[in-house]
């Protein structure tokens, strides 16, 4: 049987001391290596490889391009409040070129205009989903 003069607790403390010491020496080495490092030399030359792009302008003369139809211009919308022939108040939207045209469309459909205002573009709260009205409160 071997005679051991160092107790297990002292051996454990010595082991932890050496591990922590080596870790600190490693961290100090890494810290000074990183902090004292300077960036390497960057070559000043810049090489631009021009891409080889060929644009076929012959497409502009094709029948498919010439038969394209322009987009229709959207007419402004107007909110209206009107009274029908049976004295019921009707609310809604109408699209027309101007306020006068909107009033004429409503009067031609048999409504008496009470109030009409132009709809302003955009939304008050852009974070409200489209499925909800922007006037509804969200949770």
C-alpha atoms as a PDB file:
ATOM      1  CA  UNK A   1       0.000   0.000   0.000  1.00  0.00           C
ATOM      2  CA  UNK A   2       1.319   3.380  -1.020  1.00  0.00           C
ATOM      3  CA  UNK A   3       1.814   6.137   1.485  1.00  0.00           C
ATOM      4  CA  UNK A   4       0.345   9.409   0.190  1.00  0.00           C
ATOM      5  CA  UNK A   5       1.480  12.625   1.904  1.00  0.00           C
ATOM      6  CA  UNK A   6      -0.892  14.992  -0.007  1.00  0.00           C
ATOM      7  CA  UNK A   7      -4.564  14.839   0.874  1.00  0.00           C
ATOM      8  CA  UNK A   8      -7.174  14.534  -1.925  1.00  0.00           C
ATOM      9  CA  UNK A   9      -8.589  18.026  -1.181  1.00  0.00           C
ATOM     10  CA  UNK A  10      -5.174  19.629  -1.582  1.00  0.00           C
ATOM     11  CA  UNK A  11      -4.677  17.719  -4.833  1.00  0.00           C
ATOM     12  CA  UNK A  12      -8.071  18.948  -6.070  1.00  0.00           C
ATOM     13  CA  UNK A  13      -7.246  22.549  -5.123  1.00  0.00           C
ATOM     14  CA  UNK A  14      -3.892  22.309  -6.886  1.00  0.00           C
ATOM     15  CA  UNK A  15      -5.560  20.885  -9.999  1.00  0.00           C
ATOM     16  CA  UNK A  16      -8.162  23.686 -10.116  1.00  0.00           C
ATOM     17  CA  UNK A  17      -5.447  26.281  -9.461  1.00  0.00           C
ATOM     18  CA  UNK A  18      -3.398  25.042 -12.441  1.00  0.00           C
ATOM     19  CA  UNK A  19      -6.423  24.856 -14.745  1.00  0.00           C
ATOM     20  CA  UNK A  20      -7.537  28.399 -13.842  1.00  0.00           C
ATOM     21  CA  UNK A  21      -3.939  29.647 -14.134  1.00  0.00           C
ATOM     22  CA  UNK A  22      -3.484  28.131 -17.604  1.00  0.00           C
ATOM     23  CA  UNK A  23      -6.864  29.535 -18.687  1.00  0.00           C
ATOM     24  CA  UNK A  24      -5.909  33.039 -17.507  1.00  0.00           C
ATOM     25  CA  UNK A  25      -2.524  32.853 -19.256  1.00  0.00           C
ATOM     26  CA  UNK A  26      -4.295  31.719 -22.450  1.00  0.00           C
ATOM     27  CA  UNK A  27      -6.867  34.547 -22.185  1.00  0.00           C
ATOM     28  CA  UNK A  28      -4.124  37.144 -21.600  1.00  0.00           C
ATOM     29  CA  UNK A  29      -2.202  35.814 -24.615  1.00  0.00           C
ATOM     30  CA  UNK A  30      -5.310  35.901 -26.841  1.00  0.00           C
ATOM     31  CA  UNK A  31      -6.307  39.370 -25.602  1.00  0.00           C
ATOM     32  CA  UNK A  32      -2.917  40.915 -26.331  1.00  0.00           C
ATOM     33  CA  UNK A  33      -2.659  39.093 -29.637  1.00  0.00           C
ATOM     34  CA  UNK A  34      -6.056  40.384 -30.771  1.00  0.00           C
ATOM     35  CA  UNK A  35      -5.752  43.917 -29.396  1.00  0.00           C
ATOM     36  CA  UNK A  36      -2.283  44.554 -30.763  1.00  0.00           C
ATOM     37  CA  UNK A  37      -2.989  43.066 -34.181  1.00  0.00           C
ATOM     38  CA  UNK A  38      -3.087  45.518 -37.079  1.00  0.00           C
ATOM     39  CA  UNK A  39      -5.063  45.043 -40.242  1.00  0.00           C
ATOM     40  CA  UNK A  40      -3.205  43.533 -43.148  1.00  0.00           C
ATOM     41  CA  UNK A  41      -2.256  45.387 -46.302  1.00  0.00           C
ATOM     42  CA  UNK A  42      -5.068  45.750 -48.821  1.00  0.00           C
ATOM     43  CA  UNK A  43      -4.080  45.980 -52.476  1.00  0.00           C
ATOM     44  CA  UNK A  44      -5.115  49.310 -53.959  1.00  0.00           C
ATOM     45  CA  UNK A  45      -5.944  47.910 -57.356  1.00  0.00           C
ATOM     46  CA  UNK A  46      -9.598  47.323 -58.102  1.00  0.00           C
ATOM     47  CA  UNK A  47     -10.573  44.940 -60.817  1.00  0.00           C
ATOM     48  CA  UNK A  48     -13.943  45.482 -62.472  1.00  0.00           C
ATOM     49  CA  UNK A  49     -15.059  42.718 -64.753  1.00  0.00           C
ATOM     50  CA  UNK A  50     -17.657  44.259 -67.005  1.00  0.00           C
ATOM     51  CA  UNK A  51     -20.552  41.854 -67.462  1.00  0.00           C
ATOM     52  CA  UNK A  52     -21.391  40.863 -70.994  1.00  0.00           C
ATOM     53  CA  UNK A  53     -25.019  41.923 -71.363  1.00  0.00           C
ATOM     54  CA  UNK A  54     -26.747  41.958 -74.702  1.00  0.00           C
ATOM     55  CA  UNK A  55     -30.067  43.803 -74.884  1.00  0.00           C
ATOM     56  CA  UNK A  56     -32.388  42.713 -77.650  1.00  0.00           C
ATOM     57  CA  UNK A  57     -34.239  45.876 -78.714  1.00  0.00           C
ATOM     58  CA  UNK A  58     -35.911  43.926 -81.512  1.00  0.00           C
ATOM     59  CA  UNK A  59     -38.572  42.935 -78.970  1.00  0.00           C
ATOM     60  CA  UNK A  60     -39.883  46.507 -79.128  1.00  0.00           C
ATOM     61  CA  UNK A  61     -40.835  45.948 -82.764  1.00  0.00           C
ATOM     62  CA  UNK A  62     -42.690  42.673 -82.119  1.00  0.00           C
ATOM     63  CA  UNK A  63     -46.452  42.408 -82.471  1.00  0.00           C
ATOM     64  CA  UNK A  64     -46.771  41.159 -78.914  1.00  0.00           C
ATOM     65  CA  UNK A  65     -45.259  44.397 -77.605  1.00  0.00           C
ATOM     66  CA  UNK A  66     -47.260  46.623 -79.942  1.00  0.00           C
ATOM     67  CA  UNK A  67     -50.548  45.001 -78.881  1.00  0.00           C
ATOM     68  CA  UNK A  68     -50.043  45.781 -75.193  1.00  0.00           C
ATOM     69  CA  UNK A  69     -52.843  47.826 -73.653  1.00  0.00           C
ATOM     70  CA  UNK A  70     -52.055  50.646 -71.220  1.00  0.00           C
ATOM     71  CA  UNK A  71     -53.247  50.435 -67.647  1.00  0.00           C
ATOM     72  CA  UNK A  72     -56.514  52.139 -66.901  1.00  0.00           C
ATOM     73  CA  UNK A  73     -56.162  55.211 -64.769  1.00  0.00           C
ATOM     74  CA  UNK A  74     -57.914  54.830 -61.430  1.00  0.00           C
ATOM     75  CA  UNK A  75     -60.650  57.348 -60.775  1.00  0.00           C
ATOM     76  CA  UNK A  76     -60.835  59.041 -57.386  1.00  0.00           C
ATOM     77  CA  UNK A  77     -63.343  57.635 -54.922  1.00  0.00           C
ATOM     78  CA  UNK A  78     -65.894  59.655 -52.988  1.00  0.00           C
ATOM     79  CA  UNK A  79     -67.753  58.770 -49.799  1.00  0.00           C
ATOM     80  CA  UNK A  80     -71.359  59.763 -50.006  1.00  0.00           C
ATOM     81  CA  UNK A  81     -74.355  60.016 -47.769  1.00  0.00           C
ATOM     82  CA  UNK A  82     -77.568  60.263 -49.732  1.00  0.00           C
ATOM     83  CA  UNK A  83     -81.290  59.875 -49.333  1.00  0.00           C
ATOM     84  CA  UNK A  84     -83.162  57.399 -51.513  1.00  0.00           C
ATOM     85  CA  UNK A  85     -86.654  57.918 -52.978  1.00  0.00           C
ATOM     86  CA  UNK A  86     -88.212  56.117 -50.005  1.00  0.00           C
ATOM     87  CA  UNK A  87     -86.396  58.520 -47.569  1.00  0.00           C
ATOM     88  CA  UNK A  88     -83.792  55.979 -46.381  1.00  0.00           C
ATOM     89  CA  UNK A  89     -80.264  57.238 -45.747  1.00  0.00           C
ATOM     90  CA  UNK A  90     -77.737  55.390 -47.900  1.00  0.00           C
ATOM     91  CA  UNK A  91     -73.958  55.451 -47.361  1.00  0.00           C
ATOM     92  CA  UNK A  92     -71.290  54.214 -49.737  1.00  0.00           C
ATOM     93  CA  UNK A  93     -68.511  54.948 -52.199  1.00  0.00           C
ATOM     94  CA  UNK A  94     -68.630  56.032 -55.814  1.00  0.00           C
ATOM     95  CA  UNK A  95     -65.790  56.402 -58.323  1.00  0.00           C
ATOM     96  CA  UNK A  96     -65.833  59.451 -60.579  1.00  0.00           C
ATOM     97  CA  UNK A  97     -63.486  61.956 -62.189  1.00  0.00           C
ATOM     98  CA  UNK A  98     -64.637  64.870 -60.023  1.00  0.00           C
ATOM     99  CA  UNK A  99     -67.000  65.839 -57.225  1.00  0.00           C
ATOM    100  CA  UNK A 100     -69.517  67.138 -59.776  1.00  0.00           C
ATOM    101  CA  UNK A 101     -69.415  63.854 -61.727  1.00  0.00           C
ATOM    102  CA  UNK A 102     -69.923  61.865 -58.514  1.00  0.00           C
ATOM    103  CA  UNK A 103     -72.952  63.991 -57.611  1.00  0.00           C
ATOM    104  CA  UNK A 104     -74.333  63.505 -61.121  1.00  0.00           C
ATOM    105  CA  UNK A 105     -73.877  59.711 -60.937  1.00  0.00           C
ATOM    106  CA  UNK A 106     -75.706  59.614 -57.609  1.00  0.00           C
ATOM    107  CA  UNK A 107     -78.547  61.837 -58.796  1.00  0.00           C
ATOM    108  CA  UNK A 108     -78.904  59.751 -61.991  1.00  0.00           C
ATOM    109  CA  UNK A 109     -79.330  56.656 -59.824  1.00  0.00           C
ATOM    110  CA  UNK A 110     -82.236  58.322 -57.984  1.00  0.00           C
ATOM    111  CA  UNK A 111     -80.421  59.479 -54.837  1.00  0.00           C
ATOM    112  CA  UNK A 112     -80.476  62.928 -53.271  1.00  0.00           C
ATOM    113  CA  UNK A 113     -76.975  63.811 -52.094  1.00  0.00           C
ATOM    114  CA  UNK A 114     -76.708  64.907 -48.470  1.00  0.00           C
ATOM    115  CA  UNK A 115     -72.937  64.857 -48.060  1.00  0.00           C
ATOM    116  CA  UNK A 116     -70.072  63.847 -50.335  1.00  0.00           C
ATOM    117  CA  UNK A 117     -66.329  63.869 -49.585  1.00  0.00           C
ATOM    118  CA  UNK A 118     -63.267  62.703 -51.461  1.00  0.00           C
ATOM    119  CA  UNK A 119     -61.509  59.610 -50.122  1.00  0.00           C
ATOM    120  CA  UNK A 120     -57.915  60.377 -49.191  1.00  0.00           C
ATOM    121  CA  UNK A 121     -55.366  57.782 -50.215  1.00  0.00           C
ATOM    122  CA  UNK A 122     -53.436  55.721 -47.711  1.00  0.00           C
ATOM    123  CA  UNK A 123     -54.245  54.308 -44.317  1.00  0.00           C
ATOM    124  CA  UNK A 124     -54.222  55.854 -40.878  1.00  0.00           C
ATOM    125  CA  UNK A 125     -52.585  52.810 -39.314  1.00  0.00           C
ATOM    126  CA  UNK A 126     -50.443  50.745 -41.705  1.00  0.00           C
ATOM    127  CA  UNK A 127     -50.138  47.911 -39.184  1.00  0.00           C
ATOM    128  CA  UNK A 128     -53.828  47.000 -39.204  1.00  0.00           C
ATOM    129  CA  UNK A 129     -54.489  43.944 -41.411  1.00  0.00           C
ATOM    130  CA  UNK A 130     -56.391  44.548 -44.642  1.00  0.00           C
ATOM    131  CA  UNK A 131     -59.147  42.221 -43.458  1.00  0.00           C
ATOM    132  CA  UNK A 132     -60.045  44.771 -40.782  1.00  0.00           C
ATOM    133  CA  UNK A 133     -61.242  48.279 -41.319  1.00  0.00           C
ATOM    134  CA  UNK A 134     -58.689  50.881 -40.267  1.00  0.00           C
ATOM    135  CA  UNK A 135     -61.355  52.452 -38.038  1.00  0.00           C
ATOM    136  CA  UNK A 136     -61.755  49.247 -36.023  1.00  0.00           C
ATOM    137  CA  UNK A 137     -59.676  48.999 -32.889  1.00  0.00           C
ATOM    138  CA  UNK A 138     -57.244  46.126 -32.624  1.00  0.00           C
ATOM    139  CA  UNK A 139     -56.404  44.294 -29.430  1.00  0.00           C
END
